[in-house]
């Protein structure tokens, strides 16, 4: 998995590309989130547009990220999931727990 980190105002955006699955991809996301949190980021937007597919470990890592950011007094937003990823998140009912929006503009709104 490739992770590009960039800023848009006070929002740190993580652009993910590739599968979000058990192993290196999941660990890469964990390290990237821990790094940006350690550097003071409190508003994260995770771009799922490039995520081809996800397994339960990927879902777990998104929940972990949501929890970690909230514990630090921040907010995490997921945006642009493809149909398959969105359907998976809805199937496990995380669409009612996690903030999921359609695009980057909605993710950084109010920034």
PDB file of N, CA and C in Angstrom:
ATOM      1  N   UNK A   1       0.835  -1.170   0.000  1.00  0.00           N
ATOM      2  CA  UNK A   1       0.000   0.000   0.000  1.00  0.00           C
ATOM      3  C   UNK A   1       0.880   1.233   0.000  1.00  0.00           C
ATOM      4  N   UNK A   2       0.481   2.201  -0.787  1.00  0.00           N
ATOM      5  CA  UNK A   2       1.165   3.485  -0.805  1.00  0.00           C
ATOM      6  C   UNK A   2       0.321   4.485  -0.026  1.00  0.00           C
ATOM      7  N   UNK A   3       0.975   5.313   0.782  1.00  0.00           N
ATOM      8  CA  UNK A   3       0.294   6.333   1.562  1.00  0.00           C
ATOM      9  C   UNK A   3       0.982   7.661   1.306  1.00  0.00           C
ATOM     10  N   UNK A   4       0.212   8.604   0.770  1.00  0.00           N
ATOM     11  CA  UNK A   4       0.706   9.960   0.552  1.00  0.00           C
ATOM     12  C   UNK A   4       0.062  10.845   1.611  1.00  0.00           C
ATOM     13  N   UNK A   5       0.892  11.597   2.331  1.00  0.00           N
ATOM     14  CA  UNK A   5       0.388  12.475   3.386  1.00  0.00           C
ATOM     15  C   UNK A   5       0.517  13.911   2.917  1.00  0.00           C
ATOM     16  N   UNK A   6      -0.581  14.661   3.024  1.00  0.00           N
ATOM     17  CA  UNK A   6      -0.575  16.065   2.629  1.00  0.00           C
ATOM     18  C   UNK A   6      -1.490  16.866   3.536  1.00  0.00           C
ATOM     19  N   UNK A   7      -1.443  18.172   3.429  1.00  0.00           N
ATOM     20  CA  UNK A   7      -2.256  19.045   4.266  1.00  0.00           C
ATOM     21  C   UNK A   7      -3.217  19.854   3.403  1.00  0.00           C
ATOM     22  N   UNK A   8      -4.384  20.133   3.959  1.00  0.00           N
ATOM     23  CA  UNK A   8      -5.362  21.050   3.373  1.00  0.00           C
ATOM     24  C   UNK A   8      -5.900  21.857   4.546  1.00  0.00           C
ATOM     25  N   UNK A   9      -5.369  23.047   4.746  1.00  0.00           N
ATOM     26  CA  UNK A   9      -5.723  23.828   5.925  1.00  0.00           C
ATOM     27  C   UNK A   9      -5.233  23.118   7.163  1.00  0.00           C
ATOM     28  N   UNK A  10      -6.136  22.914   8.126  1.00  0.00           N
ATOM     29  CA  UNK A  10      -5.739  22.224   9.359  1.00  0.00           C
ATOM     30  C   UNK A  10      -5.996  20.718   9.288  1.00  0.00           C
ATOM     31  N   UNK A  11      -6.402  20.238   8.121  1.00  0.00           N
ATOM     32  CA  UNK A  11      -6.682  18.811   7.942  1.00  0.00           C
ATOM     33  C   UNK A  11      -5.476  18.113   7.332  1.00  0.00           C
ATOM     34  N   UNK A  12      -5.091  17.000   7.917  1.00  0.00           N
ATOM     35  CA  UNK A  12      -4.050  16.142   7.350  1.00  0.00           C
ATOM     36  C   UNK A  12      -4.767  15.064   6.548  1.00  0.00           C
ATOM     37  N   UNK A  13      -4.414  14.956   5.283  1.00  0.00           N
ATOM     38  CA  UNK A  13      -5.058  13.988   4.386  1.00  0.00           C
ATOM     39  C   UNK A  13      -4.086  12.844   4.115  1.00  0.00           C
ATOM     40  N   UNK A  14      -4.582  11.626   4.274  1.00  0.00           N
ATOM     41  CA  UNK A  14      -3.823  10.438   3.937  1.00  0.00           C
ATOM     42  C   UNK A  14      -4.474   9.812   2.710  1.00  0.00           C
ATOM     43  N   UNK A  15      -3.770   9.852   1.574  1.00  0.00           N
ATOM     44  CA  UNK A  15      -4.254   9.237   0.345  1.00  0.00           C
ATOM     45  C   UNK A  15      -3.743   7.802   0.306  1.00  0.00           C
ATOM     46  N   UNK A  16      -4.658   6.839   0.360  1.00  0.00           N
ATOM     47  CA  UNK A  16      -4.285   5.425   0.348  1.00  0.00           C
ATOM     48  C   UNK A  16      -4.449   4.853  -1.051  1.00  0.00           C
ATOM     49  N   UNK A  17      -3.479   4.052  -1.478  1.00  0.00           N
ATOM     50  CA  UNK A  17      -3.550   3.392  -2.778  1.00  0.00           C
ATOM     51  C   UNK A  17      -3.147   1.930  -2.603  1.00  0.00           C
ATOM     52  N   UNK A  18      -4.037   1.029  -3.036  1.00  0.00           N
ATOM     53  CA  UNK A  18      -3.770  -0.404  -2.943  1.00  0.00           C
ATOM     54  C   UNK A  18      -4.726  -1.071  -1.981  1.00  0.00           C
ATOM     55  N   UNK A  19      -4.540  -2.355  -1.737  1.00  0.00           N
ATOM     56  CA  UNK A  19      -5.425  -3.071  -0.814  1.00  0.00           C
ATOM     57  C   UNK A  19      -5.112  -2.729   0.638  1.00  0.00           C
ATOM     58  N   UNK A  20      -6.150  -2.624   1.444  1.00  0.00           N
ATOM     59  CA  UNK A  20      -5.987  -2.403   2.886  1.00  0.00           C
ATOM     60  C   UNK A  20      -6.327  -3.730   3.557  1.00  0.00           C
ATOM     61  N   UNK A  21      -5.280  -4.544   3.731  1.00  0.00           N
ATOM     62  CA  UNK A  21      -5.444  -5.914   4.215  1.00  0.00           C
ATOM     63  C   UNK A  21      -4.408  -6.221   5.304  1.00  0.00           C
ATOM     64  N   UNK A  22      -4.562  -7.379   5.929  1.00  0.00           N
ATOM     65  CA  UNK A  22      -3.657  -7.838   6.974  1.00  0.00           C
ATOM     66  C   UNK A  22      -2.218  -7.835   6.483  1.00  0.00           C
ATOM     67  N   UNK A  23      -1.319  -7.434   7.372  1.00  0.00           N
ATOM     68  CA  UNK A  23       0.100  -7.461   7.046  1.00  0.00           C
ATOM     69  C   UNK A  23       0.647  -6.066   6.840  1.00  0.00           C
ATOM     70  N   UNK A  24       1.545  -5.937   5.889  1.00  0.00           N
ATOM     71  CA  UNK A  24       2.237  -4.672   5.651  1.00  0.00           C
ATOM     72  C   UNK A  24       1.281  -3.498   5.386  1.00  0.00           C
ATOM     73  N   UNK A  25       0.231  -3.641   4.565  1.00  0.00           N
ATOM     74  CA  UNK A  25      -0.652  -2.491   4.330  1.00  0.00           C
ATOM     75  C   UNK A  25      -1.291  -1.957   5.616  1.00  0.00           C
ATOM     76  N   UNK A  26      -1.776  -2.849   6.430  1.00  0.00           N
ATOM     77  CA  UNK A  26      -2.401  -2.460   7.692  1.00  0.00           C
ATOM     78  C   UNK A  26      -1.367  -1.804   8.600  1.00  0.00           C
ATOM     79  N   UNK A  27      -0.183  -2.372   8.686  1.00  0.00           N
ATOM     80  CA  UNK A  27       0.880  -1.827   9.531  1.00  0.00           C
ATOM     81  C   UNK A  27       1.364  -0.470   9.011  1.00  0.00           C
ATOM     82  N   UNK A  28       1.414  -0.316   7.691  1.00  0.00           N
ATOM     83  CA  UNK A  28       1.813   0.968   7.100  1.00  0.00           C
ATOM     84  C   UNK A  28       0.833   2.065   7.491  1.00  0.00           C
ATOM     85  N   UNK A  29      -0.448   1.766   7.437  1.00  0.00           N
ATOM     86  CA  UNK A  29      -1.450   2.757   7.832  1.00  0.00           C
ATOM     87  C   UNK A  29      -1.305   3.093   9.309  1.00  0.00           C
ATOM     88  N   UNK A  30      -1.122   2.088  10.125  1.00  0.00           N
ATOM     89  CA  UNK A  30      -0.966   2.321  11.573  1.00  0.00           C
ATOM     90  C   UNK A  30       0.212   3.252  11.847  1.00  0.00           C
ATOM     91  N   UNK A  31       1.355   2.965  11.212  1.00  0.00           N
ATOM     92  CA  UNK A  31       2.544   3.806  11.409  1.00  0.00           C
ATOM     93  C   UNK A  31       2.301   5.239  10.932  1.00  0.00           C
ATOM     94  N   UNK A  32       1.656   5.394   9.778  1.00  0.00           N
ATOM     95  CA  UNK A  32       1.401   6.732   9.233  1.00  0.00           C
ATOM     96  C   UNK A  32       0.490   7.526  10.158  1.00  0.00           C
ATOM     97  N   UNK A  33      -0.559   6.896  10.669  1.00  0.00           N
ATOM     98  CA  UNK A  33      -1.487   7.579  11.578  1.00  0.00           C
ATOM     99  C   UNK A  33      -0.773   7.955  12.869  1.00  0.00           C
ATOM    100  N   UNK A  34      -0.012   7.035  13.437  1.00  0.00           N
ATOM    101  CA  UNK A  34       0.715   7.327  14.676  1.00  0.00           C
ATOM    102  C   UNK A  34       1.703   8.477  14.471  1.00  0.00           C
ATOM    103  N   UNK A  35       2.330   8.518  13.301  1.00  0.00           N
ATOM    104  CA  UNK A  35       3.295   9.573  13.000  1.00  0.00           C
ATOM    105  C   UNK A  35       2.614  10.941  12.915  1.00  0.00           C
ATOM    106  N   UNK A  36       1.508  11.029  12.185  1.00  0.00           N
ATOM    107  CA  UNK A  36       0.858  12.340  12.046  1.00  0.00           C
ATOM    108  C   UNK A  36       0.242  12.801  13.367  1.00  0.00           C
ATOM    109  N   UNK A  37      -0.253  11.856  14.171  1.00  0.00           N
ATOM    110  CA  UNK A  37      -0.786  12.209  15.497  1.00  0.00           C
ATOM    111  C   UNK A  37       0.354  12.714  16.384  1.00  0.00           C
ATOM    112  N   UNK A  38       1.497  12.031  16.350  1.00  0.00           N
ATOM    113  CA  UNK A  38       2.657  12.452  17.145  1.00  0.00           C
ATOM    114  C   UNK A  38       3.148  13.836  16.722  1.00  0.00           C
ATOM    115  N   UNK A  39       2.935  14.186  15.457  1.00  0.00           N
ATOM    116  CA  UNK A  39       3.345  15.493  14.946  1.00  0.00           C
ATOM    117  C   UNK A  39       2.278  16.564  15.149  1.00  0.00           C
ATOM    118  N   UNK A  40       1.218  16.232  15.880  1.00  0.00           N
ATOM    119  CA  UNK A  40       0.225  17.241  16.240  1.00  0.00           C
ATOM    120  C   UNK A  40      -1.047  17.271  15.444  1.00  0.00           C
ATOM    121  N   UNK A  41      -1.201  16.414  14.453  1.00  0.00           N
ATOM    122  CA  UNK A  41      -2.434  16.417  13.658  1.00  0.00           C
ATOM    123  C   UNK A  41      -3.608  15.956  14.528  1.00  0.00           C
ATOM    124  N   UNK A  42      -4.708  16.668  14.453  1.00  0.00           N
ATOM    125  CA  UNK A  42      -5.899  16.299  15.216  1.00  0.00           C
ATOM    126  C   UNK A  42      -7.126  16.157  14.318  1.00  0.00           C
ATOM    127  N   UNK A  43      -6.969  16.529  13.059  1.00  0.00           N
ATOM    128  CA  UNK A  43      -8.063  16.381  12.097  1.00  0.00           C
ATOM    129  C   UNK A  43      -7.507  15.607  10.906  1.00  0.00           C
ATOM    130  N   UNK A  44      -7.944  14.355  10.775  1.00  0.00           N
ATOM    131  CA  UNK A  44      -7.468  13.481   9.704  1.00  0.00           C
ATOM    132  C   UNK A  44      -8.587  13.191   8.724  1.00  0.00           C
ATOM    133  N   UNK A  45      -8.242  13.197   7.456  1.00  0.00           N
ATOM    134  CA  UNK A  45      -9.155  12.767   6.401  1.00  0.00           C
ATOM    135  C   UNK A  45      -8.437  11.657   5.643  1.00  0.00           C
ATOM    136  N   UNK A  46      -9.066  10.505   5.580  1.00  0.00           N
ATOM    137  CA  UNK A  46      -8.452   9.352   4.920  1.00  0.00           C
ATOM    138  C   UNK A  46      -9.158   9.108   3.596  1.00  0.00           C
ATOM    139  N   UNK A  47      -8.386   9.255   2.520  1.00  0.00           N
ATOM    140  CA  UNK A  47      -8.902   9.088   1.169  1.00  0.00           C
ATOM    141  C   UNK A  47      -8.881   7.607   0.805  1.00  0.00           C
ATOM    142  N   UNK A  48     -10.066   7.013   0.727  1.00  0.00           N
ATOM    143  CA  UNK A  48     -10.185   5.592   0.389  1.00  0.00           C
ATOM    144  C   UNK A  48     -10.390   5.365  -1.108  1.00  0.00           C
ATOM    145  N   UNK A  49     -10.328   6.435  -1.897  1.00  0.00           N
ATOM    146  CA  UNK A  49     -10.576   6.328  -3.338  1.00  0.00           C
ATOM    147  C   UNK A  49      -9.651   5.361  -4.058  1.00  0.00           C
ATOM    148  N   UNK A  50      -8.425   5.210  -3.565  1.00  0.00           N
ATOM    149  CA  UNK A  50      -7.472   4.320  -4.209  1.00  0.00           C
ATOM    150  C   UNK A  50      -7.386   2.938  -3.587  1.00  0.00           C
ATOM    151  N   UNK A  51      -8.259   2.669  -2.599  1.00  0.00           N
ATOM    152  CA  UNK A  51      -8.246   1.359  -1.932  1.00  0.00           C
ATOM    153  C   UNK A  51      -9.038   0.376  -2.791  1.00  0.00           C
ATOM    154  N   UNK A  52      -8.344  -0.610  -3.340  1.00  0.00           N
ATOM    155  CA  UNK A  52      -8.979  -1.566  -4.241  1.00  0.00           C
ATOM    156  C   UNK A  52      -9.893  -2.539  -3.507  1.00  0.00           C
ATOM    157  N   UNK A  53      -9.462  -2.991  -2.332  1.00  0.00           N
ATOM    158  CA  UNK A  53     -10.292  -3.857  -1.501  1.00  0.00           C
ATOM    159  C   UNK A  53      -9.755  -3.843  -0.076  1.00  0.00           C
ATOM    160  N   UNK A  54     -10.575  -4.373   0.826  1.00  0.00           N
ATOM    161  CA  UNK A  54     -10.246  -4.312   2.242  1.00  0.00           C
ATOM    162  C   UNK A  54     -10.718  -5.594   2.901  1.00  0.00           C
ATOM    163  N   UNK A  55      -9.966  -6.058   3.907  1.00  0.00           N
ATOM    164  CA  UNK A  55     -10.406  -7.214   4.686  1.00  0.00           C
ATOM    165  C   UNK A  55     -10.716  -6.764   6.115  1.00  0.00           C
ATOM    166  N   UNK A  56     -10.990  -7.711   6.990  1.00  0.00           N
ATOM    167  CA  UNK A  56     -11.374  -7.363   8.360  1.00  0.00           C
ATOM    168  C   UNK A  56     -10.254  -6.633   9.099  1.00  0.00           C
ATOM    169  N   UNK A  57      -9.013  -6.928   8.771  1.00  0.00           N
ATOM    170  CA  UNK A  57      -7.889  -6.221   9.399  1.00  0.00           C
ATOM    171  C   UNK A  57      -7.864  -4.760   8.972  1.00  0.00           C
ATOM    172  N   UNK A  58      -8.175  -4.510   7.727  1.00  0.00           N
ATOM    173  CA  UNK A  58      -8.256  -3.130   7.237  1.00  0.00           C
ATOM    174  C   UNK A  58      -9.375  -2.375   7.924  1.00  0.00           C
ATOM    175  N   UNK A  59     -10.510  -3.030   8.069  1.00  0.00           N
ATOM    176  CA  UNK A  59     -11.642  -2.418   8.782  1.00  0.00           C
ATOM    177  C   UNK A  59     -11.232  -2.124  10.218  1.00  0.00           C
ATOM    178  N   UNK A  60     -10.597  -3.081  10.856  1.00  0.00           N
ATOM    179  CA  UNK A  60     -10.147  -2.907  12.232  1.00  0.00           C
ATOM    180  C   UNK A  60      -9.186  -1.743  12.365  1.00  0.00           C
ATOM    181  N   UNK A  61      -8.311  -1.572  11.385  1.00  0.00           N
ATOM    182  CA  UNK A  61      -7.348  -0.463  11.440  1.00  0.00           C
ATOM    183  C   UNK A  61      -8.052   0.881  11.286  1.00  0.00           C
ATOM    184  N   UNK A  62      -9.093   0.945  10.475  1.00  0.00           N
ATOM    185  CA  UNK A  62      -9.857   2.191  10.348  1.00  0.00           C
ATOM    186  C   UNK A  62     -10.567   2.525  11.662  1.00  0.00           C
ATOM    187  N   UNK A  63     -11.102   1.503  12.321  1.00  0.00           N
ATOM    188  CA  UNK A  63     -11.758   1.716  13.621  1.00  0.00           C
ATOM    189  C   UNK A  63     -10.726   2.150  14.651  1.00  0.00           C
ATOM    190  N   UNK A  64      -9.556   1.515  14.645  1.00  0.00           N
ATOM    191  CA  UNK A  64      -8.479   1.885  15.567  1.00  0.00           C
ATOM    192  C   UNK A  64      -8.075   3.339  15.346  1.00  0.00           C
ATOM    193  N   UNK A  65      -7.942   3.739  14.088  1.00  0.00           N
ATOM    194  CA  UNK A  65      -7.590   5.125  13.764  1.00  0.00           C
ATOM    195  C   UNK A  65      -8.640   6.080  14.306  1.00  0.00           C
ATOM    196  N   UNK A  66      -9.912   5.777  14.058  1.00  0.00           N
ATOM    197  CA  UNK A  66     -11.022   6.598  14.542  1.00  0.00           C
ATOM    198  C   UNK A  66     -10.938   6.763  16.058  1.00  0.00           C
ATOM    199  N   UNK A  67     -10.706   5.669  16.762  1.00  0.00           N
ATOM    200  CA  UNK A  67     -10.633   5.680  18.223  1.00  0.00           C
ATOM    201  C   UNK A  67      -9.421   6.470  18.714  1.00  0.00           C
ATOM    202  N   UNK A  68      -8.267   6.255  18.105  1.00  0.00           N
ATOM    203  CA  UNK A  68      -7.044   6.946  18.497  1.00  0.00           C
ATOM    204  C   UNK A  68      -7.180   8.455  18.310  1.00  0.00           C
ATOM    205  N   UNK A  69      -7.682   8.867  17.166  1.00  0.00           N
ATOM    206  CA  UNK A  69      -7.827  10.297  16.884  1.00  0.00           C
ATOM    207  C   UNK A  69      -8.828  10.929  17.848  1.00  0.00           C
ATOM    208  N   UNK A  70      -9.920  10.255  18.099  1.00  0.00           N
ATOM    209  CA  UNK A  70     -10.931  10.775  19.023  1.00  0.00           C
ATOM    210  C   UNK A  70     -10.350  10.893  20.437  1.00  0.00           C
ATOM    211  N   UNK A  71      -9.587   9.891  20.857  1.00  0.00           N
ATOM    212  CA  UNK A  71      -8.964   9.910  22.182  1.00  0.00           C
ATOM    213  C   UNK A  71      -8.020  11.105  22.334  1.00  0.00           C
ATOM    214  N   UNK A  72      -7.406  11.512  21.230  1.00  0.00           N
ATOM    215  CA  UNK A  72      -6.491  12.657  21.234  1.00  0.00           C
ATOM    216  C   UNK A  72      -7.238  13.983  21.076  1.00  0.00           C
ATOM    217  N   UNK A  73      -8.569  13.928  21.069  1.00  0.00           N
ATOM    218  CA  UNK A  73      -9.372  15.138  20.962  1.00  0.00           C
ATOM    219  C   UNK A  73      -9.597  15.603  19.535  1.00  0.00           C
ATOM    220  N   UNK A  74      -9.383  14.718  18.583  1.00  0.00           N
ATOM    221  CA  UNK A  74      -9.518  15.088  17.179  1.00  0.00           C
ATOM    222  C   UNK A  74     -10.682  14.413  16.484  1.00  0.00           C
ATOM    223  N   UNK A  75     -10.643  14.490  15.171  1.00  0.00           N
ATOM    224  CA  UNK A  75     -11.704  13.914  14.343  1.00  0.00           C
ATOM    225  C   UNK A  75     -11.088  13.259  13.112  1.00  0.00           C
ATOM    226  N   UNK A  76     -11.599  12.091  12.764  1.00  0.00           N
ATOM    227  CA  UNK A  76     -11.158  11.440  11.531  1.00  0.00           C
ATOM    228  C   UNK A  76     -12.364  11.239  10.623  1.00  0.00           C
ATOM    229  N   UNK A  77     -12.118  11.461   9.338  1.00  0.00           N
ATOM    230  CA  UNK A  77     -13.166  11.369   8.332  1.00  0.00           C
ATOM    231  C   UNK A  77     -12.651  10.483   7.211  1.00  0.00           C
ATOM    232  N   UNK A  78     -13.479   9.587   6.745  1.00  0.00           N
ATOM    233  CA  UNK A  78     -13.151   8.755   5.584  1.00  0.00           C
ATOM    234  C   UNK A  78     -13.862   9.354   4.382  1.00  0.00           C
ATOM    235  N   UNK A  79     -13.188   9.371   3.230  1.00  0.00           N
ATOM    236  CA  UNK A  79     -13.879   9.891   2.058  1.00  0.00           C
ATOM    237  C   UNK A  79     -13.535   9.124   0.788  1.00  0.00           C
ATOM    238  N   UNK A  80     -14.468   9.206  -0.149  1.00  0.00           N
ATOM    239  CA  UNK A  80     -14.346   8.647  -1.496  1.00  0.00           C
ATOM    240  C   UNK A  80     -14.161   7.131  -1.574  1.00  0.00           C
ATOM    241  N   UNK A  81     -14.818   6.334  -0.717  1.00  0.00           N
ATOM    242  CA  UNK A  81     -14.662   4.884  -0.869  1.00  0.00           C
ATOM    243  C   UNK A  81     -15.335   4.408  -2.157  1.00  0.00           C
ATOM    244  N   UNK A  82     -14.745   3.396  -2.803  1.00  0.00           N
ATOM    245  CA  UNK A  82     -15.415   2.843  -3.977  1.00  0.00           C
ATOM    246  C   UNK A  82     -16.637   2.041  -3.511  1.00  0.00           C
ATOM    247  N   UNK A  83     -17.442   1.593  -4.466  1.00  0.00           N
ATOM    248  CA  UNK A  83     -18.697   0.904  -4.111  1.00  0.00           C
ATOM    249  C   UNK A  83     -18.464  -0.328  -3.253  1.00  0.00           C
ATOM    250  N   UNK A  84     -17.440  -1.104  -3.590  1.00  0.00           N
ATOM    251  CA  UNK A  84     -17.158  -2.341  -2.853  1.00  0.00           C
ATOM    252  C   UNK A  84     -16.766  -2.037  -1.405  1.00  0.00           C
ATOM    253  N   UNK A  85     -15.889  -1.072  -1.205  1.00  0.00           N
ATOM    254  CA  UNK A  85     -15.439  -0.720   0.142  1.00  0.00           C
ATOM    255  C   UNK A  85     -16.597  -0.125   0.943  1.00  0.00           C
ATOM    256  N   UNK A  86     -17.375   0.760   0.325  1.00  0.00           N
ATOM    257  CA  UNK A  86     -18.520   1.352   1.015  1.00  0.00           C
ATOM    258  C   UNK A  86     -19.532   0.279   1.405  1.00  0.00           C
ATOM    259  N   UNK A  87     -19.789  -0.664   0.507  1.00  0.00           N
ATOM    260  CA  UNK A  87     -20.728  -1.740   0.800  1.00  0.00           C
ATOM    261  C   UNK A  87     -20.232  -2.577   1.987  1.00  0.00           C
ATOM    262  N   UNK A  88     -18.940  -2.833   2.032  1.00  0.00           N
ATOM    263  CA  UNK A  88     -18.354  -3.590   3.136  1.00  0.00           C
ATOM    264  C   UNK A  88     -18.522  -2.831   4.458  1.00  0.00           C
ATOM    265  N   UNK A  89     -18.242  -1.536   4.450  1.00  0.00           N
ATOM    266  CA  UNK A  89     -18.402  -0.730   5.666  1.00  0.00           C
ATOM    267  C   UNK A  89     -19.864  -0.690   6.118  1.00  0.00           C
ATOM    268  N   UNK A  90     -20.785  -0.641   5.143  1.00  0.00           N
ATOM    269  CA  UNK A  90     -22.212  -0.655   5.489  1.00  0.00           C
ATOM    270  C   UNK A  90     -22.638  -2.022   6.005  1.00  0.00           C
ATOM    271  N   UNK A  91     -22.073  -3.068   5.437  1.00  0.00           N
ATOM    272  CA  UNK A  91     -22.430  -4.426   5.830  1.00  0.00           C
ATOM    273  C   UNK A  91     -22.095  -4.678   7.300  1.00  0.00           C
ATOM    274  N   UNK A  92     -20.990  -4.113   7.763  1.00  0.00           N
ATOM    275  CA  UNK A  92     -20.607  -4.288   9.168  1.00  0.00           C
ATOM    276  C   UNK A  92     -21.097  -3.113  10.021  1.00  0.00           C
ATOM    277  N   UNK A  93     -21.958  -2.293   9.426  1.00  0.00           N
ATOM    278  CA  UNK A  93     -22.648  -1.170  10.084  1.00  0.00           C
ATOM    279  C   UNK A  93     -21.726  -0.090  10.627  1.00  0.00           C
ATOM    280  N   UNK A  94     -20.566   0.040  10.025  1.00  0.00           N
ATOM    281  CA  UNK A  94     -19.649   1.095  10.463  1.00  0.00           C
ATOM    282  C   UNK A  94     -19.997   2.449   9.851  1.00  0.00           C
ATOM    283  N   UNK A  95     -20.869   2.450   8.844  1.00  0.00           N
ATOM    284  CA  UNK A  95     -21.271   3.717   8.251  1.00  0.00           C
ATOM    285  C   UNK A  95     -22.047   4.579   9.245  1.00  0.00           C
ATOM    286  N   UNK A  96     -22.582   3.956  10.296  1.00  0.00           N
ATOM    287  CA  UNK A  96     -23.307   4.718  11.311  1.00  0.00           C
ATOM    288  C   UNK A  96     -22.384   5.153  12.456  1.00  0.00           C
ATOM    289  N   UNK A  97     -21.160   4.636  12.482  1.00  0.00           N
ATOM    290  CA  UNK A  97     -20.205   4.958  13.545  1.00  0.00           C
ATOM    291  C   UNK A  97     -19.108   5.894  13.034  1.00  0.00           C
ATOM    292  N   UNK A  98     -18.533   5.556  11.888  1.00  0.00           N
ATOM    293  CA  UNK A  98     -17.448   6.343  11.309  1.00  0.00           C
ATOM    294  C   UNK A  98     -18.017   7.475  10.465  1.00  0.00           C
ATOM    295  N   UNK A  99     -17.273   8.571  10.367  1.00  0.00           N
ATOM    296  CA  UNK A  99     -17.666   9.671   9.481  1.00  0.00           C
ATOM    297  C   UNK A  99     -17.205   9.326   8.078  1.00  0.00           C
ATOM    298  N   UNK A 100     -18.159   9.101   7.173  1.00  0.00           N
ATOM    299  CA  UNK A 100     -17.840   8.760   5.789  1.00  0.00           C
ATOM    300  C   UNK A 100     -18.544   9.771   4.888  1.00  0.00           C
ATOM    301  N   UNK A 101     -17.763  10.448   4.044  1.00  0.00           N
ATOM    302  CA  UNK A 101     -18.317  11.435   3.127  1.00  0.00           C
ATOM    303  C   UNK A 101     -17.905  11.079   1.701  1.00  0.00           C
ATOM    304  N   UNK A 102     -18.562  11.729   0.748  1.00  0.00           N
ATOM    305  CA  UNK A 102     -18.354  11.386  -0.661  1.00  0.00           C
ATOM    306  C   UNK A 102     -17.012  11.834  -1.246  1.00  0.00           C
ATOM    307  N   UNK A 103     -16.557  13.040  -0.869  1.00  0.00           N
ATOM    308  CA  UNK A 103     -15.369  13.563  -1.533  1.00  0.00           C
ATOM    309  C   UNK A 103     -14.508  14.419  -0.598  1.00  0.00           C
ATOM    310  N   UNK A 104     -13.378  14.839  -1.121  1.00  0.00           N
ATOM    311  CA  UNK A 104     -12.420  15.612  -0.324  1.00  0.00           C
ATOM    312  C   UNK A 104     -13.000  16.942   0.123  1.00  0.00           C
ATOM    313  N   UNK A 105     -13.769  17.591  -0.733  1.00  0.00           N
ATOM    314  CA  UNK A 105     -14.357  18.881  -0.370  1.00  0.00           C
ATOM    315  C   UNK A 105     -15.216  18.757   0.883  1.00  0.00           C
ATOM    316  N   UNK A 106     -15.998  17.693   0.968  1.00  0.00           N
ATOM    317  CA  UNK A 106     -16.843  17.464   2.149  1.00  0.00           C
ATOM    318  C   UNK A 106     -15.985  17.106   3.353  1.00  0.00           C
ATOM    319  N   UNK A 107     -14.876  16.404   3.131  1.00  0.00           N
ATOM    320  CA  UNK A 107     -14.008  15.974   4.230  1.00  0.00           C
ATOM    321  C   UNK A 107     -13.295  17.148   4.889  1.00  0.00           C
ATOM    322  N   UNK A 108     -12.949  18.164   4.120  1.00  0.00           N
ATOM    323  CA  UNK A 108     -12.222  19.300   4.674  1.00  0.00           C
ATOM    324  C   UNK A 108     -13.137  20.496   4.941  1.00  0.00           C
ATOM    325  N   UNK A 109     -14.421  20.358   4.676  1.00  0.00           N
ATOM    326  CA  UNK A 109     -15.376  21.447   4.924  1.00  0.00           C
ATOM    327  C   UNK A 109     -15.351  21.837   6.393  1.00  0.00           C
ATOM    328  N   UNK A 110     -15.441  23.111   6.650  1.00  0.00           N
ATOM    329  CA  UNK A 110     -15.421  23.593   8.018  1.00  0.00           C
ATOM    330  C   UNK A 110     -14.032  23.674   8.599  1.00  0.00           C
ATOM    331  N   UNK A 111     -13.050  23.455   7.729  1.00  0.00           N
ATOM    332  CA  UNK A 111     -11.655  23.478   8.154  1.00  0.00           C
ATOM    333  C   UNK A 111     -11.181  24.892   8.390  1.00  0.00           C
TER     334      UNK A 111
END
